[in-house]
Every structure is written in structure tokens, then in C-alpha cells.
Amino acid sequence: MQNKVSEFRKKHGYSQDRLAEKLGVSRQTIISIEKGKYNPSLPLALIMAEVFETNVENIFILEEEDYK
């Protein structure tokens, strides 16, 4: 799954530390999500969408291999 977390984070003026604090997760979690090494839970993805004032689908993009 691809994501645009870094793009949305920068657009909204958040550092990784600040976003992590706002979401109640560690900075390492944000780094892992941005690098595509970790997919957030559904509740976390929904909260991220709310923080970024968008839909989950605009942040996280399913790829063909995600359907297998």
C-alpha cells in the first residue's frame, strides 16, 4: 500500500514529532508509516484523515498486490 502521509504532513505544517504527538503514537511509527514499512490500524488511519481534513482514500492507496 502506498501512502501520502509525508505529503499531507508537510502540507499541514507538521513535523514528524508534532504529528506523532497529535495522533498519540511515536515518531518512529510515523516514520515507519511514511516509509511504507507499517500500515496503520483503521482507527489511526481515520484519525489521520480527520487531522488532514481529507478522506482515508486520499492518503492511503491500495495497489494491485494488496488484493492478493
C-alpha atoms as a PDB file:
ATOM      1  CA  MET A   1       0.000   0.000   0.000  1.00  0.00           C
ATOM      2  CA  GLN A   2       1.328   3.404  -0.926  1.00  0.00           C
ATOM      3  CA  ASN A   3       0.625   6.479   1.141  1.00  0.00           C
ATOM      4  CA  LYS A   4       0.883  10.242   1.012  1.00  0.00           C
ATOM      5  CA  VAL A   5       1.354  10.787   4.735  1.00  0.00           C
ATOM      6  CA  SER A   6       4.581  12.747   4.291  1.00  0.00           C
ATOM      7  CA  GLU A   7       2.981  14.954   1.642  1.00  0.00           C
ATOM      8  CA  PHE A   8      -0.083  15.704   3.780  1.00  0.00           C
ATOM      9  CA  ARG A   9       2.050  16.187   6.908  1.00  0.00           C
ATOM     10  CA  LYS A  10       4.228  18.784   5.193  1.00  0.00           C
ATOM     11  CA  LYS A  11       1.232  20.478   3.558  1.00  0.00           C
ATOM     12  CA  HIS A  12      -0.323  20.952   7.006  1.00  0.00           C
ATOM     13  CA  GLY A  13       2.932  22.134   8.583  1.00  0.00           C
ATOM     14  CA  TYR A  14       3.512  19.213  10.929  1.00  0.00           C
ATOM     15  CA  SER A  15       6.891  17.804  11.850  1.00  0.00           C
ATOM     16  CA  GLN A  16       7.027  14.054  12.396  1.00  0.00           C
ATOM     17  CA  ASP A  17       7.268  14.703  16.137  1.00  0.00           C
ATOM     18  CA  ARG A  18       4.278  17.024  16.188  1.00  0.00           C
ATOM     19  CA  LEU A  19       2.100  14.690  14.123  1.00  0.00           C
ATOM     20  CA  ALA A  20       3.058  11.745  16.318  1.00  0.00           C
ATOM     21  CA  GLU A  21       2.136  13.743  19.421  1.00  0.00           C
ATOM     22  CA  LYS A  22      -1.204  14.791  17.913  1.00  0.00           C
ATOM     23  CA  LEU A  23      -2.023  11.176  16.991  1.00  0.00           C
ATOM     24  CA  GLY A  24      -0.780   9.676  20.259  1.00  0.00           C
ATOM     25  CA  VAL A  25       1.863   7.499  18.596  1.00  0.00           C
ATOM     26  CA  SER A  26       5.653   7.521  18.493  1.00  0.00           C
ATOM     27  CA  ARG A  27       7.727   9.398  15.945  1.00  0.00           C
ATOM     28  CA  GLN A  28       9.058   6.002  14.862  1.00  0.00           C
ATOM     29  CA  THR A  29       5.501   4.954  13.983  1.00  0.00           C
ATOM     30  CA  ILE A  30       5.141   7.991  11.717  1.00  0.00           C
ATOM     31  CA  ILE A  31       8.497   7.243  10.098  1.00  0.00           C
ATOM     32  CA  SER A  32       7.506   3.601   9.509  1.00  0.00           C
ATOM     33  CA  ILE A  33       4.148   4.586   8.014  1.00  0.00           C
ATOM     34  CA  GLU A  34       5.749   7.170   5.727  1.00  0.00           C
ATOM     35  CA  LYS A  35       8.323   4.614   4.522  1.00  0.00           C
ATOM     36  CA  GLY A  36       5.581   2.056   3.857  1.00  0.00           C
ATOM     37  CA  LYS A  37       7.009  -0.370   6.400  1.00  0.00           C
ATOM     38  CA  TYR A  38       3.913  -0.249   8.612  1.00  0.00           C
ATOM     39  CA  ASN A  39       0.232   0.083   7.773  1.00  0.00           C
ATOM     40  CA  PRO A  40      -1.733   1.912  10.445  1.00  0.00           C
ATOM     41  CA  SER A  41      -4.793   0.460  12.111  1.00  0.00           C
ATOM     42  CA  LEU A  42      -8.136   1.562  10.717  1.00  0.00           C
ATOM     43  CA  PRO A  43      -8.831   3.860  13.703  1.00  0.00           C
ATOM     44  CA  LEU A  44      -5.415   5.521  13.304  1.00  0.00           C
ATOM     45  CA  ALA A  45      -5.936   5.948   9.545  1.00  0.00           C
ATOM     46  CA  LEU A  46      -9.333   7.550  10.185  1.00  0.00           C
ATOM     47  CA  ILE A  47      -7.870   9.932  12.763  1.00  0.00           C
ATOM     48  CA  MET A  48      -5.082  10.861  10.330  1.00  0.00           C
ATOM     49  CA  ALA A  49      -7.694  11.641   7.687  1.00  0.00           C
ATOM     50  CA  GLU A  50      -9.543  13.851  10.165  1.00  0.00           C
ATOM     51  CA  VAL A  51      -6.331  15.680  11.134  1.00  0.00           C
ATOM     52  CA  PHE A  52      -5.506  16.228   7.452  1.00  0.00           C
ATOM     53  CA  GLU A  53      -9.119  17.208   6.649  1.00  0.00           C
ATOM     54  CA  THR A  54      -9.458  14.615   3.882  1.00  0.00           C
ATOM     55  CA  ASN A  55     -10.591  11.055   3.238  1.00  0.00           C
ATOM     56  CA  VAL A  56      -8.549   7.958   4.061  1.00  0.00           C
ATOM     57  CA  GLU A  57      -8.559   7.100   0.345  1.00  0.00           C
ATOM     58  CA  ASN A  58      -6.663  10.307  -0.415  1.00  0.00           C
ATOM     59  CA  ILE A  59      -3.873   9.354   1.996  1.00  0.00           C
ATOM     60  CA  PHE A  60      -3.616   5.588   1.510  1.00  0.00           C
ATOM     61  CA  ILE A  61      -3.640   3.992  -1.942  1.00  0.00           C
ATOM     62  CA  LEU A  62      -4.213   0.285  -2.417  1.00  0.00           C
ATOM     63  CA  GLU A  63      -2.036  -1.389  -5.014  1.00  0.00           C
ATOM     64  CA  GLU A  64      -2.834  -4.474  -7.040  1.00  0.00           C
ATOM     65  CA  GLU A  65      -0.731  -6.734  -4.798  1.00  0.00           C
ATOM     66  CA  ASP A  66      -2.778  -5.605  -1.777  1.00  0.00           C
ATOM     67  CA  TYR A  67      -5.726  -7.534  -3.194  1.00  0.00           C
ATOM     68  CA  LYS A  68      -3.849 -10.855  -3.179  1.00  0.00           C
END
